[in-house]
Amino acid sequence: MAKMIHSMLRVLDEARSVAFYQIALGLKPVDKVVFDSFTLIYLANAEQTFELELTINHGRTEPYDLGNGYGHLAVSVEDAAAEHARLHKEGLTLTPVKTLENNGRVIGTFFFLTDPDGYKIEVLQRGAPGRFV
């Protein structure tokens, strides 16, 4: 059976993106590999083995076109409202906290966070029916 190990995002500014992911999600660099034309930075934290790979293409100055195919990354937290308040104090770009229900069943409580390159991150409260651990 396959095991998910990382997701990759192309970013423009290494320092800006590393700082964002450390503040927002507690991810820190665990490896960095520099090639002639690009750099790979792997971010992780003690909560999981899944990593976020940031790719910086050397010399790129134009923002990436995210297109309409990319959806979002998702993370889970103990308390969505408290995490929203913390990230708001950091001045990060957030949507309001929402609760999604279907026929009276709570599917999830969440908000979206936007990184410096425009990627969306869904922040879900843990404890929805068997989904967000």
Protein backbone atom coordinates (compact mmCIF):
# COMPACT_ATOMS: atom_id res chain seq x y z
CA MET A 1 0.00 0.00 0.00
CA ALA A 2 1.27 3.49 -0.84
CA LYS A 3 2.10 5.95 1.92
CA MET A 4 1.78 9.70 1.31
CA ILE A 5 5.17 11.28 2.05
CA HIS A 6 5.12 14.88 0.78
CA SER A 7 3.43 17.52 -1.29
CA MET A 8 5.41 20.07 -3.34
CA LEU A 9 4.71 23.76 -3.86
CA ARG A 10 6.69 26.10 -6.10
CA VAL A 11 7.44 29.35 -4.28
CA LEU A 12 9.24 32.57 -5.21
CA ASP A 13 10.94 33.63 -1.99
CA GLU A 14 12.60 30.98 0.19
CA ALA A 15 12.92 33.06 3.36
CA ARG A 16 9.36 34.44 3.15
CA SER A 17 7.85 30.98 2.61
CA VAL A 18 9.93 29.22 5.28
CA ALA A 19 8.98 31.95 7.79
CA PHE A 20 5.29 31.70 6.84
CA TYR A 21 5.10 27.92 7.27
CA GLN A 22 6.98 28.06 10.57
CA ILE A 23 4.63 30.72 11.98
CA ALA A 24 1.42 29.31 10.51
CA LEU A 25 1.90 25.55 10.84
CA GLY A 26 4.96 25.02 13.03
CA LEU A 27 6.87 23.47 10.11
CA LYS A 28 10.65 23.77 10.15
CA PRO A 29 13.26 22.88 7.54
CA VAL A 30 14.50 19.31 7.92
CA ASP A 31 16.53 19.18 4.70
CA LYS A 32 17.72 21.50 1.96
CA VAL A 33 19.18 20.43 -1.37
CA VAL A 34 20.62 23.05 -3.72
CA PHE A 35 20.94 22.28 -7.43
CA ASP A 36 22.23 24.53 -10.23
CA SER A 37 18.78 25.73 -11.28
CA PHE A 38 16.56 25.06 -8.26
CA THR A 39 16.52 24.44 -4.50
CA LEU A 40 14.39 21.93 -2.59
CA ILE A 41 13.49 22.58 1.05
CA TYR A 42 11.64 19.94 3.07
CA LEU A 43 9.54 21.16 6.00
CA ALA A 44 8.08 19.04 8.81
CA ASN A 45 7.10 19.03 12.46
CA ALA A 46 6.84 16.43 15.21
CA GLU A 47 3.09 15.90 14.61
CA GLN A 48 3.56 13.70 11.51
CA THR A 49 5.95 12.15 9.01
CA PHE A 50 4.36 13.91 6.00
CA GLU A 51 6.54 16.72 4.65
CA LEU A 52 5.96 19.86 2.62
CA GLU A 53 8.51 20.32 -0.14
CA LEU A 54 9.14 23.89 -1.27
CA THR A 55 10.76 24.27 -4.68
CA ILE A 56 12.50 27.52 -5.50
CA ASN A 57 13.44 27.85 -9.18
CA HIS A 58 16.53 30.08 -9.30
CA GLY A 59 16.03 33.30 -11.24
CA ARG A 60 12.22 33.10 -11.23
CA THR A 61 10.67 36.52 -10.56
CA GLU A 62 7.11 36.10 -11.82
CA PRO A 63 4.44 34.66 -9.51
CA TYR A 64 3.24 31.18 -10.45
CA ASP A 65 -0.16 30.80 -12.09
CA LEU A 66 -1.98 28.50 -9.69
CA GLY A 67 -4.60 27.74 -12.33
CA ASN A 68 -7.97 26.27 -11.50
CA GLY A 69 -6.85 22.70 -10.79
CA TYR A 70 -5.15 23.24 -7.44
CA GLY A 71 -7.46 22.90 -4.45
CA HIS A 72 -5.72 23.16 -1.10
CA LEU A 73 -3.57 21.50 1.52
CA ALA A 74 -5.34 20.57 4.76
CA VAL A 75 -4.15 20.44 8.37
CA SER A 76 -6.01 19.65 11.57
CA VAL A 77 -5.88 21.53 14.89
CA GLU A 78 -7.41 21.02 18.32
CA ASP A 79 -9.31 24.32 18.36
CA ALA A 80 -10.05 26.11 15.07
CA ALA A 81 -11.23 29.33 16.75
CA ALA A 82 -8.11 29.60 18.92
CA GLU A 83 -5.82 28.88 15.96
CA HIS A 84 -7.70 31.45 13.87
CA ALA A 85 -7.18 34.06 16.60
CA ARG A 86 -3.45 33.24 16.83
CA LEU A 87 -2.94 33.49 13.07
CA HIS A 88 -5.00 36.70 12.90
CA LYS A 89 -2.64 38.27 15.47
CA GLU A 90 0.26 37.29 13.17
CA GLY A 91 -1.38 39.30 10.39
CA LEU A 92 -1.90 36.33 8.09
CA THR A 93 -4.61 36.17 5.40
CA LEU A 94 -7.59 34.15 6.71
CA THR A 95 -11.23 33.48 5.94
CA PRO A 96 -13.77 33.45 8.78
CA VAL A 97 -14.25 30.23 10.78
CA LYS A 98 -17.19 28.24 9.38
CA THR A 99 -19.01 25.07 10.34
CA LEU A 100 -20.16 22.86 7.48
CA GLU A 101 -23.28 20.82 8.19
CA ASN A 102 -25.31 18.34 6.16
CA ASN A 103 -28.78 17.32 7.35
CA GLY A 104 -27.93 18.36 10.91
CA ARG A 105 -24.60 16.47 10.93
CA VAL A 106 -21.47 18.57 11.50
CA ILE A 107 -19.01 17.73 8.74
CA GLY A 108 -16.30 20.10 9.93
CA THR A 109 -15.35 23.41 11.49
CA PHE A 110 -12.68 25.16 9.47
CA PHE A 111 -11.15 28.23 7.89
CA PHE A 112 -8.72 28.85 5.07
CA LEU A 113 -5.27 30.39 5.32
CA THR A 114 -3.41 31.78 2.27
CA ASP A 115 0.36 31.51 1.97
CA PRO A 116 2.59 34.23 0.42
CA ASP A 117 2.33 32.63 -3.04
CA GLY A 118 -1.47 32.34 -2.96
CA TYR A 119 -1.77 28.66 -2.01
CA LYS A 120 -4.80 27.84 0.15
CA ILE A 121 -4.51 25.79 3.34
CA GLU A 122 -7.64 24.45 5.01
CA VAL A 123 -7.38 24.44 8.81
CA LEU A 124 -9.86 21.90 10.23
CA GLN A 125 -10.80 21.32 13.83
CA ARG A 126 -10.12 17.77 14.96
CA GLY A 127 -13.01 15.64 16.09
CA ALA A 128 -15.41 15.72 13.14
CA PRO A 129 -16.87 12.27 12.54
CA GLY A 130 -13.80 10.14 11.94
CA ARG A 131 -12.18 12.47 9.46
CA PHE A 132 -9.86 15.06 10.89
CA VAL A 133 -7.36 13.52 13.25
